[in-house]
């Protein structure tokens, strides 16, 4: 239930209390369940999940659009292109500019 709530609200600001409420439990119980099953806190999961989903969507947009990589990245809320390029490379095993050359 908590994971479905996170997925359904990716475009919203997600809080520990909101996830717990959607799951029908207390924030403490939610944190305990996440740590027990996933080995991380709920908010660490949200940050990681959100970052990876956003990077995947940016990749899709780079391949489908002729817009400059920076424009696409800014559209998805990236604020630091250098950090973005490093995260993108770690996720996709190539730089965003390399992806763009394959359009």
PDB file of N, CA and C in Angstrom:
ATOM      1  N   UNK A   1       0.831  -1.183   0.000  1.00  0.00           N
ATOM      2  CA  UNK A   1       0.000   0.000   0.000  1.00  0.00           C
ATOM      3  C   UNK A   1       0.881   1.254   0.000  1.00  0.00           C
ATOM      4  N   UNK A   2       1.916   1.267   0.811  1.00  0.00           N
ATOM      5  CA  UNK A   2       2.802   2.434   0.885  1.00  0.00           C
ATOM      6  C   UNK A   2       3.527   2.644  -0.435  1.00  0.00           C
ATOM      7  N   UNK A   3       4.023   1.565  -1.053  1.00  0.00           N
ATOM      8  CA  UNK A   3       4.744   1.680  -2.322  1.00  0.00           C
ATOM      9  C   UNK A   3       3.813   2.166  -3.429  1.00  0.00           C
ATOM     10  N   UNK A   4       2.573   1.711  -3.425  1.00  0.00           N
ATOM     11  CA  UNK A   4       1.597   2.170  -4.423  1.00  0.00           C
ATOM     12  C   UNK A   4       1.311   3.649  -4.242  1.00  0.00           C
ATOM     13  N   UNK A   5       1.246   4.109  -3.019  1.00  0.00           N
ATOM     14  CA  UNK A   5       1.015   5.521  -2.737  1.00  0.00           C
ATOM     15  C   UNK A   5       2.176   6.372  -3.240  1.00  0.00           C
ATOM     16  N   UNK A   6       3.381   5.888  -3.057  1.00  0.00           N
ATOM     17  CA  UNK A   6       4.559   6.621  -3.535  1.00  0.00           C
ATOM     18  C   UNK A   6       4.506   6.725  -5.054  1.00  0.00           C
ATOM     19  N   UNK A   7       4.237   5.613  -5.735  1.00  0.00           N
ATOM     20  CA  UNK A   7       4.175   5.588  -7.199  1.00  0.00           C
ATOM     21  C   UNK A   7       3.086   6.531  -7.718  1.00  0.00           C
ATOM     22  N   UNK A   8       1.938   6.521  -7.073  1.00  0.00           N
ATOM     23  CA  UNK A   8       0.810   7.321  -7.530  1.00  0.00           C
ATOM     24  C   UNK A   8       1.019   8.818  -7.312  1.00  0.00           C
ATOM     25  N   UNK A   9       1.937   9.172  -6.451  1.00  0.00           N
ATOM     26  CA  UNK A   9       2.108  10.581  -6.100  1.00  0.00           C
ATOM     27  C   UNK A   9       3.501  11.117  -6.423  1.00  0.00           C
ATOM     28  N   UNK A  10       4.146  10.578  -7.428  1.00  0.00           N
ATOM     29  CA  UNK A  10       5.500  11.008  -7.764  1.00  0.00           C
ATOM     30  C   UNK A  10       5.600  12.491  -8.094  1.00  0.00           C
ATOM     31  N   UNK A  11       4.542  13.056  -8.646  1.00  0.00           N
ATOM     32  CA  UNK A  11       4.600  14.465  -9.017  1.00  0.00           C
ATOM     33  C   UNK A  11       4.259  15.386  -7.845  1.00  0.00           C
ATOM     34  N   UNK A  12       3.912  14.822  -6.721  1.00  0.00           N
ATOM     35  CA  UNK A  12       3.551  15.589  -5.525  1.00  0.00           C
ATOM     36  C   UNK A  12       4.693  15.578  -4.517  1.00  0.00           C
ATOM     37  N   UNK A  13       4.597  16.475  -3.559  1.00  0.00           N
ATOM     38  CA  UNK A  13       5.552  16.456  -2.454  1.00  0.00           C
ATOM     39  C   UNK A  13       5.139  15.325  -1.520  1.00  0.00           C
ATOM     40  N   UNK A  14       6.018  14.370  -1.307  1.00  0.00           N
ATOM     41  CA  UNK A  14       5.699  13.179  -0.521  1.00  0.00           C
ATOM     42  C   UNK A  14       6.323  13.310   0.862  1.00  0.00           C
ATOM     43  N   UNK A  15       5.498  13.043   1.886  1.00  0.00           N
ATOM     44  CA  UNK A  15       5.991  13.121   3.256  1.00  0.00           C
ATOM     45  C   UNK A  15       5.840  11.771   3.943  1.00  0.00           C
ATOM     46  N   UNK A  16       6.593  11.583   4.995  1.00  0.00           N
ATOM     47  CA  UNK A  16       6.505  10.360   5.778  1.00  0.00           C
ATOM     48  C   UNK A  16       5.089  10.187   6.322  1.00  0.00           C
ATOM     49  N   UNK A  17       4.525  11.259   6.836  1.00  0.00           N
ATOM     50  CA  UNK A  17       3.171  11.199   7.381  1.00  0.00           C
ATOM     51  C   UNK A  17       2.143  10.839   6.320  1.00  0.00           C
ATOM     52  N   UNK A  18       2.306  11.377   5.123  1.00  0.00           N
ATOM     53  CA  UNK A  18       1.387  11.075   4.030  1.00  0.00           C
ATOM     54  C   UNK A  18       1.448   9.615   3.605  1.00  0.00           C
ATOM     55  N   UNK A  19       2.649   9.077   3.534  1.00  0.00           N
ATOM     56  CA  UNK A  19       2.813   7.659   3.177  1.00  0.00           C
ATOM     57  C   UNK A  19       2.199   6.781   4.263  1.00  0.00           C
ATOM     58  N   UNK A  20       2.497   7.123   5.518  1.00  0.00           N
ATOM     59  CA  UNK A  20       1.966   6.338   6.645  1.00  0.00           C
ATOM     60  C   UNK A  20       0.443   6.373   6.651  1.00  0.00           C
ATOM     61  N   UNK A  21      -0.120   7.546   6.409  1.00  0.00           N
ATOM     62  CA  UNK A  21      -1.574   7.684   6.378  1.00  0.00           C
ATOM     63  C   UNK A  21      -2.173   6.817   5.274  1.00  0.00           C
ATOM     64  N   UNK A  22      -1.569   6.846   4.091  1.00  0.00           N
ATOM     65  CA  UNK A  22      -2.065   6.035   2.970  1.00  0.00           C
ATOM     66  C   UNK A  22      -1.952   4.544   3.276  1.00  0.00           C
ATOM     67  N   UNK A  23      -0.936   4.168   4.044  1.00  0.00           N
ATOM     68  CA  UNK A  23      -0.733   2.758   4.399  1.00  0.00           C
ATOM     69  C   UNK A  23      -1.552   2.345   5.622  1.00  0.00           C
ATOM     70  N   UNK A  24      -2.155   3.319   6.285  1.00  0.00           N
ATOM     71  CA  UNK A  24      -2.969   3.012   7.454  1.00  0.00           C
ATOM     72  C   UNK A  24      -2.175   2.631   8.680  1.00  0.00           C
ATOM     73  N   UNK A  25      -1.016   3.267   8.851  1.00  0.00           N
ATOM     74  CA  UNK A  25      -0.196   2.964  10.026  1.00  0.00           C
ATOM     75  C   UNK A  25       0.502   4.237  10.499  1.00  0.00           C
ATOM     76  N   UNK A  26       1.231   4.123  11.574  1.00  0.00           N
ATOM     77  CA  UNK A  26       1.963   5.267  12.097  1.00  0.00           C
ATOM     78  C   UNK A  26       3.276   5.434  11.338  1.00  0.00           C
ATOM     79  N   UNK A  27       3.834   6.646  11.336  1.00  0.00           N
ATOM     80  CA  UNK A  27       5.143   6.838  10.704  1.00  0.00           C
ATOM     81  C   UNK A  27       6.208   5.902  11.274  1.00  0.00           C
ATOM     82  N   UNK A  28       6.146   5.657  12.576  1.00  0.00           N
ATOM     83  CA  UNK A  28       7.133   4.771  13.209  1.00  0.00           C
ATOM     84  C   UNK A  28       6.994   3.331  12.708  1.00  0.00           C
ATOM     85  N   UNK A  29       5.749   2.850  12.589  1.00  0.00           N
ATOM     86  CA  UNK A  29       5.522   1.489  12.097  1.00  0.00           C
ATOM     87  C   UNK A  29       5.954   1.378  10.634  1.00  0.00           C
ATOM     88  N   UNK A  30       5.684   2.409   9.859  1.00  0.00           N
ATOM     89  CA  UNK A  30       6.087   2.417   8.453  1.00  0.00           C
ATOM     90  C   UNK A  30       7.601   2.357   8.324  1.00  0.00           C
ATOM     91  N   UNK A  31       8.285   3.181   9.111  1.00  0.00           N
ATOM     92  CA  UNK A  31       9.751   3.194   9.084  1.00  0.00           C
ATOM     93  C   UNK A  31      10.309   1.831   9.470  1.00  0.00           C
ATOM     94  N   UNK A  32       9.739   1.219  10.482  1.00  0.00           N
ATOM     95  CA  UNK A  32      10.186  -0.102  10.915  1.00  0.00           C
ATOM     96  C   UNK A  32       9.978  -1.139   9.811  1.00  0.00           C
ATOM     97  N   UNK A  33       8.829  -1.087   9.139  1.00  0.00           N
ATOM     98  CA  UNK A  33       8.540  -2.035   8.067  1.00  0.00           C
ATOM     99  C   UNK A  33       9.497  -1.837   6.884  1.00  0.00           C
ATOM    100  N   UNK A  34       9.752  -0.605   6.515  1.00  0.00           N
ATOM    101  CA  UNK A  34      10.670  -0.332   5.414  1.00  0.00           C
ATOM    102  C   UNK A  34      12.072  -0.822   5.739  1.00  0.00           C
ATOM    103  N   UNK A  35      12.528  -0.508   6.947  1.00  0.00           N
ATOM    104  CA  UNK A  35      13.880  -0.938   7.331  1.00  0.00           C
ATOM    105  C   UNK A  35      13.972  -2.458   7.383  1.00  0.00           C
ATOM    106  N   UNK A  36      12.927  -3.108   7.858  1.00  0.00           N
ATOM    107  CA  UNK A  36      12.929  -4.563   7.954  1.00  0.00           C
ATOM    108  C   UNK A  36      12.882  -5.252   6.594  1.00  0.00           C
ATOM    109  N   UNK A  37      12.121  -4.710   5.657  1.00  0.00           N
ATOM    110  CA  UNK A  37      11.952  -5.365   4.359  1.00  0.00           C
ATOM    111  C   UNK A  37      12.899  -4.859   3.285  1.00  0.00           C
ATOM    112  N   UNK A  38      13.203  -3.555   3.301  1.00  0.00           N
ATOM    113  CA  UNK A  38      14.022  -2.974   2.238  1.00  0.00           C
ATOM    114  C   UNK A  38      15.402  -2.528   2.707  1.00  0.00           C
ATOM    115  N   UNK A  39      15.570  -2.432   4.019  1.00  0.00           N
ATOM    116  CA  UNK A  39      16.858  -2.037   4.563  1.00  0.00           C
ATOM    117  C   UNK A  39      17.135  -0.541   4.526  1.00  0.00           C
ATOM    118  N   UNK A  40      16.140   0.258   4.193  1.00  0.00           N
ATOM    119  CA  UNK A  40      16.287   1.715   4.160  1.00  0.00           C
ATOM    120  C   UNK A  40      15.029   2.365   4.714  1.00  0.00           C
ATOM    121  N   UNK A  41      15.130   3.642   5.027  1.00  0.00           N
ATOM    122  CA  UNK A  41      13.978   4.373   5.538  1.00  0.00           C
ATOM    123  C   UNK A  41      13.013   4.690   4.393  1.00  0.00           C
ATOM    124  N   UNK A  42      11.759   4.979   4.706  1.00  0.00           N
ATOM    125  CA  UNK A  42      10.803   5.327   3.653  1.00  0.00           C
ATOM    126  C   UNK A  42      11.251   6.536   2.821  1.00  0.00           C
ATOM    127  N   UNK A  43      11.795   7.551   3.463  1.00  0.00           N
ATOM    128  CA  UNK A  43      12.180   8.757   2.718  1.00  0.00           C
ATOM    129  C   UNK A  43      13.435   8.524   1.883  1.00  0.00           C
ATOM    130  N   UNK A  44      14.328   7.652   2.324  1.00  0.00           N
ATOM    131  CA  UNK A  44      15.474   7.277   1.485  1.00  0.00           C
ATOM    132  C   UNK A  44      14.982   6.542   0.251  1.00  0.00           C
ATOM    133  N   UNK A  45      13.990   5.689   0.430  1.00  0.00           N
ATOM    134  CA  UNK A  45      13.390   4.986  -0.699  1.00  0.00           C
ATOM    135  C   UNK A  45      12.756   5.975  -1.667  1.00  0.00           C
ATOM    136  N   UNK A  46      12.007   6.932  -1.135  1.00  0.00           N
ATOM    137  CA  UNK A  46      11.350   7.938  -1.984  1.00  0.00           C
ATOM    138  C   UNK A  46      12.385   8.705  -2.792  1.00  0.00           C
ATOM    139  N   UNK A  47      13.443   9.164  -2.147  1.00  0.00           N
ATOM    140  CA  UNK A  47      14.475   9.934  -2.854  1.00  0.00           C
ATOM    141  C   UNK A  47      15.119   9.109  -3.955  1.00  0.00           C
ATOM    142  N   UNK A  48      15.482   7.874  -3.647  1.00  0.00           N
ATOM    143  CA  UNK A  48      16.118   7.002  -4.624  1.00  0.00           C
ATOM    144  C   UNK A  48      15.161   6.650  -5.757  1.00  0.00           C
ATOM    145  N   UNK A  49      13.947   6.284  -5.407  1.00  0.00           N
ATOM    146  CA  UNK A  49      12.943   5.901  -6.396  1.00  0.00           C
ATOM    147  C   UNK A  49      12.625   7.075  -7.309  1.00  0.00           C
ATOM    148  N   UNK A  50      12.402   8.237  -6.708  1.00  0.00           N
ATOM    149  CA  UNK A  50      12.071   9.428  -7.481  1.00  0.00           C
ATOM    150  C   UNK A  50      13.212   9.781  -8.429  1.00  0.00           C
ATOM    151  N   UNK A  51      14.436   9.751  -7.921  1.00  0.00           N
ATOM    152  CA  UNK A  51      15.589  10.092  -8.753  1.00  0.00           C
ATOM    153  C   UNK A  51      15.699   9.135  -9.938  1.00  0.00           C
ATOM    154  N   UNK A  52      15.565   7.839  -9.688  1.00  0.00           N
ATOM    155  CA  UNK A  52      15.686   6.860 -10.764  1.00  0.00           C
ATOM    156  C   UNK A  52      14.556   6.975 -11.778  1.00  0.00           C
ATOM    157  N   UNK A  53      13.335   7.166 -11.318  1.00  0.00           N
ATOM    158  CA  UNK A  53      12.199   7.345 -12.236  1.00  0.00           C
ATOM    159  C   UNK A  53      12.391   8.601 -13.071  1.00  0.00           C
ATOM    160  N   UNK A  54      12.835   9.679 -12.429  1.00  0.00           N
ATOM    161  CA  UNK A  54      13.041  10.931 -13.152  1.00  0.00           C
ATOM    162  C   UNK A  54      14.144  10.754 -14.196  1.00  0.00           C
ATOM    163  N   UNK A  55      15.236  10.092 -13.842  1.00  0.00           N
ATOM    164  CA  UNK A  55      16.316   9.857 -14.803  1.00  0.00           C
ATOM    165  C   UNK A  55      15.837   8.991 -15.972  1.00  0.00           C
ATOM    166  N   UNK A  56      15.012   7.999 -15.686  1.00  0.00           N
ATOM    167  CA  UNK A  56      14.463   7.167 -16.757  1.00  0.00           C
ATOM    168  C   UNK A  56      13.583   7.992 -17.696  1.00  0.00           C
ATOM    169  N   UNK A  57      12.779   8.858 -17.139  1.00  0.00           N
ATOM    170  CA  UNK A  57      11.896   9.690 -17.963  1.00  0.00           C
ATOM    171  C   UNK A  57      12.684  10.726 -18.760  1.00  0.00           C
ATOM    172  N   UNK A  58      13.730  11.253 -18.163  1.00  0.00           N
ATOM    173  CA  UNK A  58      14.597  12.181 -18.902  1.00  0.00           C
ATOM    174  C   UNK A  58      15.221  11.452 -20.083  1.00  0.00           C
ATOM    175  N   UNK A  59      15.689  10.249 -19.867  1.00  0.00           N
ATOM    176  CA  UNK A  59      16.288   9.449 -20.950  1.00  0.00           C
ATOM    177  C   UNK A  59      15.281   9.251 -22.080  1.00  0.00           C
ATOM    178  N   UNK A  60      14.049   8.894 -21.729  1.00  0.00           N
ATOM    179  CA  UNK A  60      13.003   8.716 -22.737  1.00  0.00           C
ATOM    180  C   UNK A  60      12.792  10.001 -23.525  1.00  0.00           C
ATOM    181  N   UNK A  61      12.769  11.133 -22.824  1.00  0.00           N
ATOM    182  CA  UNK A  61      12.567  12.421 -23.494  1.00  0.00           C
ATOM    183  C   UNK A  61      13.746  12.787 -24.393  1.00  0.00           C
ATOM    184  N   UNK A  62      14.953  12.499 -23.945  1.00  0.00           N
ATOM    185  CA  UNK A  62      16.131  12.794 -24.775  1.00  0.00           C
ATOM    186  C   UNK A  62      16.037  12.017 -26.086  1.00  0.00           C
ATOM    187  N   UNK A  63      15.658  10.757 -25.996  1.00  0.00           N
ATOM    188  CA  UNK A  63      15.575   9.916 -27.192  1.00  0.00           C
ATOM    189  C   UNK A  63      14.406  10.304 -28.101  1.00  0.00           C
ATOM    190  N   UNK A  64      13.360  10.861 -27.535  1.00  0.00           N
ATOM    191  CA  UNK A  64      12.154  11.169 -28.313  1.00  0.00           C
ATOM    192  C   UNK A  64      12.074  12.617 -28.792  1.00  0.00           C
ATOM    193  N   UNK A  65      12.966  13.470 -28.333  1.00  0.00           N
ATOM    194  CA  UNK A  65      12.870  14.900 -28.618  1.00  0.00           C
ATOM    195  C   UNK A  65      14.145  15.406 -29.281  1.00  0.00           C
ATOM    196  N   UNK A  66      14.015  16.521 -29.949  1.00  0.00           N
ATOM    197  CA  UNK A  66      15.202  17.182 -30.503  1.00  0.00           C
ATOM    198  C   UNK A  66      15.633  18.353 -29.631  1.00  0.00           C
ATOM    199  N   UNK A  67      14.954  18.535 -28.497  1.00  0.00           N
ATOM    200  CA  UNK A  67      15.320  19.611 -27.574  1.00  0.00           C
ATOM    201  C   UNK A  67      16.708  19.350 -27.007  1.00  0.00           C
ATOM    202  N   UNK A  68      17.433  20.418 -26.667  1.00  0.00           N
ATOM    203  CA  UNK A  68      18.738  20.241 -26.020  1.00  0.00           C
ATOM    204  C   UNK A  68      18.593  19.504 -24.691  1.00  0.00           C
ATOM    205  N   UNK A  69      19.620  18.752 -24.344  1.00  0.00           N
ATOM    206  CA  UNK A  69      19.613  17.966 -23.105  1.00  0.00           C
ATOM    207  C   UNK A  69      19.333  18.858 -21.898  1.00  0.00           C
ATOM    208  N   UNK A  70      19.957  20.016 -21.827  1.00  0.00           N
ATOM    209  CA  UNK A  70      19.750  20.923 -20.698  1.00  0.00           C
ATOM    210  C   UNK A  70      18.303  21.350 -20.570  1.00  0.00           C
ATOM    211  N   UNK A  71      17.663  21.636 -21.679  1.00  0.00           N
ATOM    212  CA  UNK A  71      16.253  22.036 -21.665  1.00  0.00           C
ATOM    213  C   UNK A  71      15.394  20.915 -21.104  1.00  0.00           C
ATOM    214  N   UNK A  72      15.661  19.709 -21.552  1.00  0.00           N
ATOM    215  CA  UNK A  72      14.901  18.549 -21.067  1.00  0.00           C
ATOM    216  C   UNK A  72      15.143  18.342 -19.575  1.00  0.00           C
ATOM    217  N   UNK A  73      16.390  18.425 -19.169  1.00  0.00           N
ATOM    218  CA  UNK A  73      16.717  18.227 -17.755  1.00  0.00           C
ATOM    219  C   UNK A  73      16.032  19.277 -16.879  1.00  0.00           C
ATOM    220  N   UNK A  74      16.076  20.535 -17.287  1.00  0.00           N
ATOM    221  CA  UNK A  74      15.425  21.593 -16.516  1.00  0.00           C
ATOM    222  C   UNK A  74      13.913  21.371 -16.459  1.00  0.00           C
ATOM    223  N   UNK A  75      13.344  20.864 -17.531  1.00  0.00           N
ATOM    224  CA  UNK A  75      11.902  20.593 -17.570  1.00  0.00           C
ATOM    225  C   UNK A  75      11.518  19.583 -16.492  1.00  0.00           C
ATOM    226  N   UNK A  76      12.437  18.672 -16.185  1.00  0.00           N
ATOM    227  CA  UNK A  76      12.183  17.648 -15.176  1.00  0.00           C
ATOM    228  C   UNK A  76      12.643  18.063 -13.785  1.00  0.00           C
ATOM    229  N   UNK A  77      13.005  19.322 -13.620  1.00  0.00           N
ATOM    230  CA  UNK A  77      13.337  19.822 -12.289  1.00  0.00           C
ATOM    231  C   UNK A  77      14.790  19.715 -11.898  1.00  0.00           C
ATOM    232  N   UNK A  78      15.664  19.405 -12.842  1.00  0.00           N
ATOM    233  CA  UNK A  78      17.101  19.346 -12.549  1.00  0.00           C
ATOM    234  C   UNK A  78      17.593  20.770 -12.340  1.00  0.00           C
ATOM    235  N   UNK A  79      18.360  20.991 -11.296  1.00  0.00           N
ATOM    236  CA  UNK A  79      18.857  22.342 -11.030  1.00  0.00           C
ATOM    237  C   UNK A  79      20.368  22.467 -11.211  1.00  0.00           C
ATOM    238  N   UNK A  80      21.071  21.352 -11.280  1.00  0.00           N
ATOM    239  CA  UNK A  80      22.530  21.375 -11.424  1.00  0.00           C
ATOM    240  C   UNK A  80      22.918  20.371 -12.514  1.00  0.00           C
ATOM    241  N   UNK A  81      23.261  20.879 -13.693  1.00  0.00           N
ATOM    242  CA  UNK A  81      23.515  19.995 -14.830  1.00  0.00           C
ATOM    243  C   UNK A  81      24.717  19.075 -14.624  1.00  0.00           C
ATOM    244  N   UNK A  82      25.755  19.538 -13.948  1.00  0.00           N
ATOM    245  CA  UNK A  82      26.921  18.698 -13.706  1.00  0.00           C
ATOM    246  C   UNK A  82      26.586  17.507 -12.826  1.00  0.00           C
ATOM    247  N   UNK A  83      25.849  17.753 -11.755  1.00  0.00           N
ATOM    248  CA  UNK A  83      25.428  16.660 -10.859  1.00  0.00           C
ATOM    249  C   UNK A  83      24.482  15.713 -11.607  1.00  0.00           C
ATOM    250  N   UNK A  84      23.593  16.312 -12.389  1.00  0.00           N
ATOM    251  CA  UNK A  84      22.663  15.511 -13.190  1.00  0.00           C
ATOM    252  C   UNK A  84      23.424  14.577 -14.132  1.00  0.00           C
ATOM    253  N   UNK A  85      24.431  15.092 -14.826  1.00  0.00           N
ATOM    254  CA  UNK A  85      25.195  14.277 -15.773  1.00  0.00           C
ATOM    255  C   UNK A  85      25.849  13.090 -15.069  1.00  0.00           C
ATOM    256  N   UNK A  86      26.359  13.310 -13.866  1.00  0.00           N
ATOM    257  CA  UNK A  86      26.966  12.225 -13.097  1.00  0.00           C
ATOM    258  C   UNK A  86      25.950  11.178 -12.682  1.00  0.00           C
ATOM    259  N   UNK A  87      24.785  11.618 -12.202  1.00  0.00           N
ATOM    260  CA  UNK A  87      23.732  10.689 -11.804  1.00  0.00           C
ATOM    261  C   UNK A  87      23.208   9.923 -13.024  1.00  0.00           C
ATOM    262  N   UNK A  88      23.058  10.634 -14.137  1.00  0.00           N
ATOM    263  CA  UNK A  88      22.573  10.014 -15.365  1.00  0.00           C
ATOM    264  C   UNK A  88      23.547   8.937 -15.829  1.00  0.00           C
ATOM    265  N   UNK A  89      24.824   9.261 -15.805  1.00  0.00           N
ATOM    266  CA  UNK A  89      25.842   8.296 -16.241  1.00  0.00           C
ATOM    267  C   UNK A  89      25.853   7.065 -15.327  1.00  0.00           C
ATOM    268  N   UNK A  90      25.711   7.290 -14.033  1.00  0.00           N
ATOM    269  CA  UNK A  90      25.681   6.162 -13.095  1.00  0.00           C
ATOM    270  C   UNK A  90      24.466   5.268 -13.358  1.00  0.00           C
ATOM    271  N   UNK A  91      23.364   5.859 -13.736  1.00  0.00           N
ATOM    272  CA  UNK A  91      22.124   5.104 -13.993  1.00  0.00           C
ATOM    273  C   UNK A  91      22.120   4.456 -15.372  1.00  0.00           C
ATOM    274  N   UNK A  92      22.630   5.176 -16.391  1.00  0.00           N
ATOM    275  CA  UNK A  92      22.488   4.732 -17.778  1.00  0.00           C
ATOM    276  C   UNK A  92      23.771   4.243 -18.431  1.00  0.00           C
ATOM    277  N   UNK A  93      24.882   4.333 -17.719  1.00  0.00           N
ATOM    278  CA  UNK A  93      26.188   3.915 -18.238  1.00  0.00           C
ATOM    279  C   UNK A  93      26.628   4.718 -19.456  1.00  0.00           C
ATOM    280  N   UNK A  94      26.118   5.921 -19.593  1.00  0.00           N
ATOM    281  CA  UNK A  94      26.564   6.846 -20.629  1.00  0.00           C
ATOM    282  C   UNK A  94      26.148   8.258 -20.233  1.00  0.00           C
ATOM    283  N   UNK A  95      26.801   9.239 -20.819  1.00  0.00           N
ATOM    284  CA  UNK A  95      26.437  10.632 -20.559  1.00  0.00           C
ATOM    285  C   UNK A  95      25.164  10.984 -21.315  1.00  0.00           C
ATOM    286  N   UNK A  96      24.418  11.973 -20.831  1.00  0.00           N
ATOM    287  CA  UNK A  96      23.211  12.395 -21.546  1.00  0.00           C
ATOM    288  C   UNK A  96      23.511  12.820 -22.987  1.00  0.00           C
ATOM    289  N   UNK A  97      24.655  13.454 -23.208  1.00  0.00           N
ATOM    290  CA  UNK A  97      25.012  13.869 -24.563  1.00  0.00           C
ATOM    291  C   UNK A  97      25.226  12.672 -25.477  1.00  0.00           C
ATOM    292  N   UNK A  98      25.729  11.562 -24.930  1.00  0.00           N
ATOM    293  CA  UNK A  98      25.883  10.339 -25.726  1.00  0.00           C
ATOM    294  C   UNK A  98      24.513   9.781 -26.131  1.00  0.00           C
ATOM    295  N   UNK A  99      23.568   9.828 -25.206  1.00  0.00           N
ATOM    296  CA  UNK A  99      22.206   9.395 -25.522  1.00  0.00           C
ATOM    297  C   UNK A  99      21.628  10.266 -26.623  1.00  0.00           C
ATOM    298  N   UNK A 100      21.856  11.567 -26.533  1.00  0.00           N
ATOM    299  CA  UNK A 100      21.298  12.508 -27.509  1.00  0.00           C
ATOM    300  C   UNK A 100      21.845  12.259 -28.915  1.00  0.00           C
ATOM    301  N   UNK A 101      23.074  11.799 -29.020  1.00  0.00           N
ATOM    302  CA  UNK A 101      23.641  11.565 -30.344  1.00  0.00           C
ATOM    303  C   UNK A 101      22.998  10.360 -31.034  1.00  0.00           C
ATOM    304  N   UNK A 102      22.294   9.527 -30.294  1.00  0.00           N
ATOM    305  CA  UNK A 102      21.655   8.346 -30.866  1.00  0.00           C
ATOM    306  C   UNK A 102      20.203   8.572 -31.258  1.00  0.00           C
ATOM    307  N   UNK A 103      19.717   9.806 -31.181  1.00  0.00           N
ATOM    308  CA  UNK A 103      18.304  10.057 -31.513  1.00  0.00           C
ATOM    309  C   UNK A 103      18.033   9.738 -32.951  1.00  0.00           C
TER     310      UNK A 103
END
